[in-house]
Amino acid sequence: RNQAAAISKYSVTIEANANAEGHLYGSILAHDISKSLVAAGYAIDADHIRLEGPLKELGMYTVKLELHPEVKTEVKVWVVPAAGK
């Protein structure tokens, strides 16, 4: 529960290549979000991330996490243009 509270105050920023309209060349999946959370010190497996589908555009998303059947939280995910774009 403490981890869920900490994660709810955190936001993930993921860089991705996108076209001028903001559509990604590829998509952001649960694995990508998990990797960013682990890098920030939160041991969150991709299986805990509840995406309704891959993220395919630049922007801010609220992603649901289920750490345990009784412990659920959300994390903000910012998908931003890759550096140099």
PDB file of N, CA and C in Angstrom:
ATOM      1  N   ARG A   1       0.815  -1.201   0.000  1.00  0.00           N
ATOM      2  CA  ARG A   1       0.000   0.000   0.000  1.00  0.00           C
ATOM      3  C   ARG A   1       0.859   1.265   0.000  1.00  0.00           C
ATOM      4  N   ASN A   2       1.997   1.206   0.731  1.00  0.00           N
ATOM      5  CA  ASN A   2       2.898   2.358   0.739  1.00  0.00           C
ATOM      6  C   ASN A   2       3.482   2.589  -0.647  1.00  0.00           C
ATOM      7  N   GLN A   3       3.839   1.496  -1.322  1.00  0.00           N
ATOM      8  CA  GLN A   3       4.386   1.615  -2.669  1.00  0.00           C
ATOM      9  C   GLN A   3       3.329   2.191  -3.609  1.00  0.00           C
ATOM     10  N   ALA A   4       2.090   1.757  -3.470  1.00  0.00           N
ATOM     11  CA  ALA A   4       1.008   2.272  -4.320  1.00  0.00           C
ATOM     12  C   ALA A   4       0.844   3.769  -4.116  1.00  0.00           C
ATOM     13  N   ALA A   5       0.923   4.222  -2.874  1.00  0.00           N
ATOM     14  CA  ALA A   5       0.788   5.650  -2.585  1.00  0.00           C
ATOM     15  C   ALA A   5       1.944   6.436  -3.202  1.00  0.00           C
ATOM     16  N   ALA A   6       3.157   5.893  -3.115  1.00  0.00           N
ATOM     17  CA  ALA A   6       4.322   6.581  -3.677  1.00  0.00           C
ATOM     18  C   ALA A   6       4.222   6.655  -5.203  1.00  0.00           C
ATOM     19  N   ILE A   7       3.811   5.568  -5.825  1.00  0.00           N
ATOM     20  CA  ILE A   7       3.720   5.535  -7.288  1.00  0.00           C
ATOM     21  C   ILE A   7       2.664   6.513  -7.787  1.00  0.00           C
ATOM     22  N   SER A   8       1.575   6.658  -7.053  1.00  0.00           N
ATOM     23  CA  SER A   8       0.500   7.550  -7.499  1.00  0.00           C
ATOM     24  C   SER A   8       0.961   9.008  -7.570  1.00  0.00           C
ATOM     25  N   LYS A   9       2.043   9.333  -6.864  1.00  0.00           N
ATOM     26  CA  LYS A   9       2.579  10.702  -6.885  1.00  0.00           C
ATOM     27  C   LYS A   9       3.701  10.857  -7.909  1.00  0.00           C
ATOM     28  N   TYR A  10       4.069   9.761  -8.551  1.00  0.00           N
ATOM     29  CA  TYR A  10       5.184   9.758  -9.495  1.00  0.00           C
ATOM     30  C   TYR A  10       4.650   9.832 -10.921  1.00  0.00           C
ATOM     31  N   SER A  11       5.454  10.362 -11.831  1.00  0.00           N
ATOM     32  CA  SER A  11       5.071  10.316 -13.239  1.00  0.00           C
ATOM     33  C   SER A  11       6.252   9.813 -14.055  1.00  0.00           C
ATOM     34  N   VAL A  12       5.949   9.032 -15.055  1.00  0.00           N
ATOM     35  CA  VAL A  12       6.948   8.417 -15.925  1.00  0.00           C
ATOM     36  C   VAL A  12       7.031   9.231 -17.205  1.00  0.00           C
ATOM     37  N   THR A  13       8.227   9.489 -17.683  1.00  0.00           N
ATOM     38  CA  THR A  13       8.403  10.148 -18.977  1.00  0.00           C
ATOM     39  C   THR A  13       9.125   9.170 -19.900  1.00  0.00           C
ATOM     40  N   ILE A  14       8.498   8.896 -21.031  1.00  0.00           N
ATOM     41  CA  ILE A  14       9.073   7.977 -22.014  1.00  0.00           C
ATOM     42  C   ILE A  14       9.250   8.730 -23.325  1.00  0.00           C
ATOM     43  N   GLU A  15      10.473   8.707 -23.848  1.00  0.00           N
ATOM     44  CA  GLU A  15      10.741   9.336 -25.136  1.00  0.00           C
ATOM     45  C   GLU A  15      10.425   8.352 -26.251  1.00  0.00           C
ATOM     46  N   ALA A  16       9.828   8.854 -27.326  1.00  0.00           N
ATOM     47  CA  ALA A  16       9.484   8.000 -28.458  1.00  0.00           C
ATOM     48  C   ALA A  16       9.600   8.806 -29.745  1.00  0.00           C
ATOM     49  N   ASN A  17       9.907   8.122 -30.822  1.00  0.00           N
ATOM     50  CA  ASN A  17       9.944   8.771 -32.135  1.00  0.00           C
ATOM     51  C   ASN A  17       8.523   8.918 -32.650  1.00  0.00           C
ATOM     52  N   ALA A  18       8.200  10.106 -33.164  1.00  0.00           N
ATOM     53  CA  ALA A  18       6.842  10.378 -33.635  1.00  0.00           C
ATOM     54  C   ALA A  18       6.901  11.264 -34.870  1.00  0.00           C
ATOM     55  N   ASN A  19       5.809  11.242 -35.624  1.00  0.00           N
ATOM     56  CA  ASN A  19       5.730  12.121 -36.804  1.00  0.00           C
ATOM     57  C   ASN A  19       5.225  13.499 -36.379  1.00  0.00           C
ATOM     58  N   ALA A  20       5.054  14.397 -37.334  1.00  0.00           N
ATOM     59  CA  ALA A  20       4.651  15.776 -37.045  1.00  0.00           C
ATOM     60  C   ALA A  20       3.279  15.854 -36.384  1.00  0.00           C
ATOM     61  N   GLU A  21       2.410  14.888 -36.640  1.00  0.00           N
ATOM     62  CA  GLU A  21       1.072  14.891 -36.034  1.00  0.00           C
ATOM     63  C   GLU A  21       1.064  14.280 -34.632  1.00  0.00           C
ATOM     64  N   GLY A  22       2.192  13.747 -34.170  1.00  0.00           N
ATOM     65  CA  GLY A  22       2.260  13.167 -32.836  1.00  0.00           C
ATOM     66  C   GLY A  22       1.993  11.675 -32.793  1.00  0.00           C
ATOM     67  N   HIS A  23       1.867  11.021 -33.938  1.00  0.00           N
ATOM     68  CA  HIS A  23       1.670   9.570 -33.975  1.00  0.00           C
ATOM     69  C   HIS A  23       3.031   8.892 -33.861  1.00  0.00           C
ATOM     70  N   LEU A  24       3.111   7.903 -32.981  1.00  0.00           N
ATOM     71  CA  LEU A  24       4.380   7.223 -32.754  1.00  0.00           C
ATOM     72  C   LEU A  24       4.728   6.276 -33.890  1.00  0.00           C
ATOM     73  N   TYR A  25       6.023   6.133 -34.138  1.00  0.00           N
ATOM     74  CA  TYR A  25       6.528   5.083 -35.027  1.00  0.00           C
ATOM     75  C   TYR A  25       6.707   3.858 -34.140  1.00  0.00           C
ATOM     76  N   GLY A  26       5.659   3.099 -33.951  1.00  0.00           N
ATOM     77  CA  GLY A  26       5.651   1.997 -32.993  1.00  0.00           C
ATOM     78  C   GLY A  26       4.667   2.332 -31.896  1.00  0.00           C
ATOM     79  N   SER A  27       4.831   1.737 -30.719  1.00  0.00           N
ATOM     80  CA  SER A  27       3.917   2.024 -29.620  1.00  0.00           C
ATOM     81  C   SER A  27       4.600   1.776 -28.283  1.00  0.00           C
ATOM     82  N   ILE A  28       3.999   2.311 -27.226  1.00  0.00           N
ATOM     83  CA  ILE A  28       4.482   2.127 -25.869  1.00  0.00           C
ATOM     84  C   ILE A  28       3.628   1.020 -25.244  1.00  0.00           C
ATOM     85  N   LEU A  29       4.296  -0.002 -24.705  1.00  0.00           N
ATOM     86  CA  LEU A  29       3.606  -1.148 -24.117  1.00  0.00           C
ATOM     87  C   LEU A  29       3.861  -1.201 -22.607  1.00  0.00           C
ATOM     88  N   ALA A  30       3.176  -2.112 -21.930  1.00  0.00           N
ATOM     89  CA  ALA A  30       3.339  -2.273 -20.482  1.00  0.00           C
ATOM     90  C   ALA A  30       4.807  -2.510 -20.119  1.00  0.00           C
ATOM     91  N   HIS A  31       5.514  -3.253 -20.952  1.00  0.00           N
ATOM     92  CA  HIS A  31       6.928  -3.540 -20.695  1.00  0.00           C
ATOM     93  C   HIS A  31       7.744  -2.247 -20.631  1.00  0.00           C
ATOM     94  N   ASP A  32       7.461  -1.306 -21.527  1.00  0.00           N
ATOM     95  CA  ASP A  32       8.194  -0.031 -21.552  1.00  0.00           C
ATOM     96  C   ASP A  32       7.939   0.778 -20.284  1.00  0.00           C
ATOM     97  N   ILE A  33       6.693   0.788 -19.834  1.00  0.00           N
ATOM     98  CA  ILE A  33       6.330   1.525 -18.615  1.00  0.00           C
ATOM     99  C   ILE A  33       6.984   0.857 -17.409  1.00  0.00           C
ATOM    100  N   SER A  34       6.949  -0.469 -17.358  1.00  0.00           N
ATOM    101  CA  SER A  34       7.571  -1.216 -16.271  1.00  0.00           C
ATOM    102  C   SER A  34       9.066  -0.903 -16.191  1.00  0.00           C
ATOM    103  N   LYS A  35       9.735  -0.868 -17.338  1.00  0.00           N
ATOM    104  CA  LYS A  35      11.174  -0.594 -17.388  1.00  0.00           C
ATOM    105  C   LYS A  35      11.474   0.788 -16.800  1.00  0.00           C
ATOM    106  N   SER A  36      10.646   1.771 -17.121  1.00  0.00           N
ATOM    107  CA  SER A  36      10.842   3.126 -16.591  1.00  0.00           C
ATOM    108  C   SER A  36      10.599   3.177 -15.091  1.00  0.00           C
ATOM    109  N   LEU A  37       9.599   2.461 -14.614  1.00  0.00           N
ATOM    110  CA  LEU A  37       9.316   2.433 -13.170  1.00  0.00           C
ATOM    111  C   LEU A  37      10.443   1.732 -12.413  1.00  0.00           C
ATOM    112  N   VAL A  38      10.952   0.628 -12.949  1.00  0.00           N
ATOM    113  CA  VAL A  38      12.056  -0.088 -12.306  1.00  0.00           C
ATOM    114  C   VAL A  38      13.290   0.810 -12.245  1.00  0.00           C
ATOM    115  N   ALA A  39      13.565   1.547 -13.324  1.00  0.00           N
ATOM    116  CA  ALA A  39      14.711   2.463 -13.356  1.00  0.00           C
ATOM    117  C   ALA A  39      14.577   3.548 -12.292  1.00  0.00           C
ATOM    118  N   ALA A  40      13.338   3.898 -11.935  1.00  0.00           N
ATOM    119  CA  ALA A  40      13.099   4.924 -10.919  1.00  0.00           C
ATOM    120  C   ALA A  40      13.060   4.335  -9.507  1.00  0.00           C
ATOM    121  N   GLY A  41      13.260   3.007  -9.401  1.00  0.00           N
ATOM    122  CA  GLY A  41      13.302   2.386  -8.076  1.00  0.00           C
ATOM    123  C   GLY A  41      12.005   1.728  -7.631  1.00  0.00           C
ATOM    124  N   TYR A  42      11.037   1.612  -8.525  1.00  0.00           N
ATOM    125  CA  TYR A  42       9.766   0.949  -8.195  1.00  0.00           C
ATOM    126  C   TYR A  42       9.750  -0.413  -8.871  1.00  0.00           C
ATOM    127  N   ALA A  43       9.724  -1.479  -8.079  1.00  0.00           N
ATOM    128  CA  ALA A  43       9.753  -2.842  -8.622  1.00  0.00           C
ATOM    129  C   ALA A  43       8.370  -3.240  -9.131  1.00  0.00           C
ATOM    130  N   ILE A  44       8.035  -2.735 -10.306  1.00  0.00           N
ATOM    131  CA  ILE A  44       6.723  -3.012 -10.899  1.00  0.00           C
ATOM    132  C   ILE A  44       6.915  -3.865 -12.145  1.00  0.00           C
ATOM    133  N   ASP A  45       6.342  -5.051 -12.126  1.00  0.00           N
ATOM    134  CA  ASP A  45       6.417  -5.963 -13.261  1.00  0.00           C
ATOM    135  C   ASP A  45       5.383  -5.554 -14.305  1.00  0.00           C
ATOM    136  N   ALA A  46       5.644  -5.845 -15.561  1.00  0.00           N
ATOM    137  CA  ALA A  46       4.707  -5.502 -16.637  1.00  0.00           C
ATOM    138  C   ALA A  46       3.339  -6.139 -16.409  1.00  0.00           C
ATOM    139  N   ASP A  47       3.292  -7.274 -15.720  1.00  0.00           N
ATOM    140  CA  ASP A  47       2.021  -7.949 -15.444  1.00  0.00           C
ATOM    141  C   ASP A  47       1.099  -7.125 -14.543  1.00  0.00           C
ATOM    142  N   HIS A  48       1.660  -6.170 -13.800  1.00  0.00           N
ATOM    143  CA  HIS A  48       0.869  -5.334 -12.892  1.00  0.00           C
ATOM    144  C   HIS A  48       0.241  -4.134 -13.597  1.00  0.00           C
ATOM    145  N   ILE A  49       0.671  -3.874 -14.825  1.00  0.00           N
ATOM    146  CA  ILE A  49       0.214  -2.689 -15.560  1.00  0.00           C
ATOM    147  C   ILE A  49      -1.001  -3.051 -16.395  1.00  0.00           C
ATOM    148  N   ARG A  50      -2.074  -2.269 -16.249  1.00  0.00           N
ATOM    149  CA  ARG A  50      -3.336  -2.551 -16.936  1.00  0.00           C
ATOM    150  C   ARG A  50      -3.570  -1.513 -18.035  1.00  0.00           C
ATOM    151  N   LEU A  51      -3.022  -1.789 -19.209  1.00  0.00           N
ATOM    152  CA  LEU A  51      -3.234  -0.912 -20.362  1.00  0.00           C
ATOM    153  C   LEU A  51      -4.446  -1.408 -21.136  1.00  0.00           C
ATOM    154  N   GLU A  52      -5.261  -0.480 -21.619  1.00  0.00           N
ATOM    155  CA  GLU A  52      -6.400  -0.869 -22.454  1.00  0.00           C
ATOM    156  C   GLU A  52      -5.947  -1.140 -23.879  1.00  0.00           C
ATOM    157  N   GLY A  53      -4.734  -0.735 -24.203  1.00  0.00           N
ATOM    158  CA  GLY A  53      -4.140  -0.944 -25.508  1.00  0.00           C
ATOM    159  C   GLY A  53      -2.826  -0.206 -25.537  1.00  0.00           C
ATOM    160  N   PRO A  54      -1.999  -0.456 -26.539  1.00  0.00           N
ATOM    161  CA  PRO A  54      -0.715   0.254 -26.607  1.00  0.00           C
ATOM    162  C   PRO A  54      -0.916   1.754 -26.791  1.00  0.00           C
ATOM    163  N   LEU A  55       0.016   2.531 -26.259  1.00  0.00           N
ATOM    164  CA  LEU A  55      -0.029   3.988 -26.409  1.00  0.00           C
ATOM    165  C   LEU A  55       0.621   4.320 -27.742  1.00  0.00           C
ATOM    166  N   LYS A  56      -0.117   4.992 -28.621  1.00  0.00           N
ATOM    167  CA  LYS A  56       0.355   5.215 -29.988  1.00  0.00           C
ATOM    168  C   LYS A  56       0.521   6.686 -30.353  1.00  0.00           C
ATOM    169  N   GLU A  57       0.326   7.593 -29.383  1.00  0.00           N
ATOM    170  CA  GLU A  57       0.468   9.019 -29.670  1.00  0.00           C
ATOM    171  C   GLU A  57       1.201   9.708 -28.528  1.00  0.00           C
ATOM    172  N   LEU A  58       1.800  10.858 -28.853  1.00  0.00           N
ATOM    173  CA  LEU A  58       2.419  11.683 -27.815  1.00  0.00           C
ATOM    174  C   LEU A  58       1.321  12.195 -26.898  1.00  0.00           C
ATOM    175  N   GLY A  59       1.651  12.400 -25.633  1.00  0.00           N
ATOM    176  CA  GLY A  59       0.668  12.967 -24.711  1.00  0.00           C
ATOM    177  C   GLY A  59       0.828  12.408 -23.314  1.00  0.00           C
ATOM    178  N   MET A  60      -0.133  12.743 -22.453  1.00  0.00           N
ATOM    179  CA  MET A  60      -0.132  12.286 -21.070  1.00  0.00           C
ATOM    180  C   MET A  60      -1.251  11.268 -20.904  1.00  0.00           C
ATOM    181  N   TYR A  61      -0.916  10.152 -20.253  1.00  0.00           N
ATOM    182  CA  TYR A  61      -1.876   9.080 -20.021  1.00  0.00           C
ATOM    183  C   TYR A  61      -1.901   8.743 -18.540  1.00  0.00           C
ATOM    184  N   THR A  62      -3.066   8.351 -18.049  1.00  0.00           N
ATOM    185  CA  THR A  62      -3.178   7.824 -16.697  1.00  0.00           C
ATOM    186  C   THR A  62      -3.315   6.316 -16.843  1.00  0.00           C
ATOM    187  N   VAL A  63      -2.334   5.590 -16.311  1.00  0.00           N
ATOM    188  CA  VAL A  63      -2.275   4.142 -16.479  1.00  0.00           C
ATOM    189  C   VAL A  63      -2.567   3.477 -15.146  1.00  0.00           C
ATOM    190  N   LYS A  64      -3.457   2.497 -15.175  1.00  0.00           N
ATOM    191  CA  LYS A  64      -3.836   1.775 -13.960  1.00  0.00           C
ATOM    192  C   LYS A  64      -2.821   0.681 -13.649  1.00  0.00           C
ATOM    193  N   LEU A  65      -2.520   0.538 -12.356  1.00  0.00           N
ATOM    194  CA  LEU A  65      -1.642  -0.521 -11.872  1.00  0.00           C
ATOM    195  C   LEU A  65      -2.403  -1.352 -10.854  1.00  0.00           C
ATOM    196  N   GLU A  66      -2.232  -2.658 -10.908  1.00  0.00           N
ATOM    197  CA  GLU A  66      -2.824  -3.549  -9.910  1.00  0.00           C
ATOM    198  C   GLU A  66      -1.676  -4.319  -9.277  1.00  0.00           C
ATOM    199  N   LEU A  67      -1.239  -3.850  -8.107  1.00  0.00           N
ATOM    200  CA  LEU A  67      -0.101  -4.455  -7.426  1.00  0.00           C
ATOM    201  C   LEU A  67      -0.501  -5.732  -6.706  1.00  0.00           C
ATOM    202  N   HIS A  68      -1.774  -5.811  -6.362  1.00  0.00           N
ATOM    203  CA  HIS A  68      -2.357  -6.936  -5.619  1.00  0.00           C
ATOM    204  C   HIS A  68      -3.851  -6.819  -5.865  1.00  0.00           C
ATOM    205  N   PRO A  69      -4.620  -7.900  -5.766  1.00  0.00           N
ATOM    206  CA  PRO A  69      -6.067  -7.769  -6.009  1.00  0.00           C
ATOM    207  C   PRO A  69      -6.748  -6.672  -5.183  1.00  0.00           C
ATOM    208  N   GLU A  70      -6.182  -6.356  -4.023  1.00  0.00           N
ATOM    209  CA  GLU A  70      -6.782  -5.327  -3.173  1.00  0.00           C
ATOM    210  C   GLU A  70      -6.000  -4.014  -3.195  1.00  0.00           C
ATOM    211  N   VAL A  71      -4.894  -3.956  -3.937  1.00  0.00           N
ATOM    212  CA  VAL A  71      -4.060  -2.752  -3.971  1.00  0.00           C
ATOM    213  C   VAL A  71      -3.931  -2.287  -5.419  1.00  0.00           C
ATOM    214  N   LYS A  72      -4.657  -1.202  -5.722  1.00  0.00           N
ATOM    215  CA  LYS A  72      -4.640  -0.640  -7.077  1.00  0.00           C
ATOM    216  C   LYS A  72      -4.262   0.830  -6.990  1.00  0.00           C
ATOM    217  N   THR A  73      -3.595   1.310  -8.022  1.00  0.00           N
ATOM    218  CA  THR A  73      -3.200   2.708  -8.066  1.00  0.00           C
ATOM    219  C   THR A  73      -3.087   3.126  -9.532  1.00  0.00           C
ATOM    220  N   GLU A  74      -2.656   4.343  -9.745  1.00  0.00           N
ATOM    221  CA  GLU A  74      -2.467   4.864 -11.099  1.00  0.00           C
ATOM    222  C   GLU A  74      -1.138   5.601 -11.157  1.00  0.00           C
ATOM    223  N   VAL A  75      -0.585   5.666 -12.359  1.00  0.00           N
ATOM    224  CA  VAL A  75       0.638   6.428 -12.575  1.00  0.00           C
ATOM    225  C   VAL A  75       0.444   7.259 -13.843  1.00  0.00           C
ATOM    226  N   LYS A  76       0.980   8.458 -13.828  1.00  0.00           N
ATOM    227  CA  LYS A  76       0.919   9.320 -15.017  1.00  0.00           C
ATOM    228  C   LYS A  76       2.093   8.955 -15.927  1.00  0.00           C
ATOM    229  N   VAL A  77       1.796   8.768 -17.208  1.00  0.00           N
ATOM    230  CA  VAL A  77       2.821   8.437 -18.190  1.00  0.00           C
ATOM    231  C   VAL A  77       2.823   9.531 -19.257  1.00  0.00           C
ATOM    232  N   TRP A  78       3.945  10.210 -19.379  1.00  0.00           N
ATOM    233  CA  TRP A  78       4.126  11.242 -20.398  1.00  0.00           C
ATOM    234  C   TRP A  78       4.898  10.619 -21.554  1.00  0.00           C
ATOM    235  N   VAL A  79       4.333  10.645 -22.733  1.00  0.00           N
ATOM    236  CA  VAL A  79       5.024  10.180 -23.934  1.00  0.00           C
ATOM    237  C   VAL A  79       5.441  11.445 -24.688  1.00  0.00           C
ATOM    238  N   VAL A  80       6.757  11.650 -24.779  1.00  0.00           N
ATOM    239  CA  VAL A  80       7.287  12.880 -25.347  1.00  0.00           C
ATOM    240  C   VAL A  80       8.164  12.569 -26.560  1.00  0.00           C
ATOM    241  N   PRO A  81       8.364  13.550 -27.435  1.00  0.00           N
ATOM    242  CA  PRO A  81       9.222  13.317 -28.602  1.00  0.00           C
ATOM    243  C   PRO A  81      10.645  12.998 -28.175  1.00  0.00           C
ATOM    244  N   ALA A  82      11.267  12.072 -28.877  1.00  0.00           N
ATOM    245  CA  ALA A  82      12.657  11.720 -28.588  1.00  0.00           C
ATOM    246  C   ALA A  82      13.547  12.940 -28.801  1.00  0.00           C
ATOM    247  N   ALA A  83      14.611  13.036 -28.039  1.00  0.00           N
ATOM    248  CA  ALA A  83      15.539  14.167 -28.129  1.00  0.00           C
ATOM    249  C   ALA A  83      16.041  14.306 -29.560  1.00  0.00           C
ATOM    250  N   GLY A  84      16.132  15.525 -30.007  1.00  0.00           N
ATOM    251  CA  GLY A  84      16.624  15.789 -31.350  1.00  0.00           C
ATOM    252  C   GLY A  84      15.550  15.778 -32.428  1.00  0.00           C
ATOM    253  N   LYS A  85      14.307  15.617 -32.018  1.00  0.00           N
ATOM    254  CA  LYS A  85      13.205  15.595 -32.999  1.00  0.00           C
ATOM    255  C   LYS A  85      12.481  16.918 -32.994  1.00  0.00           C
TER     256      LYS A  85
END
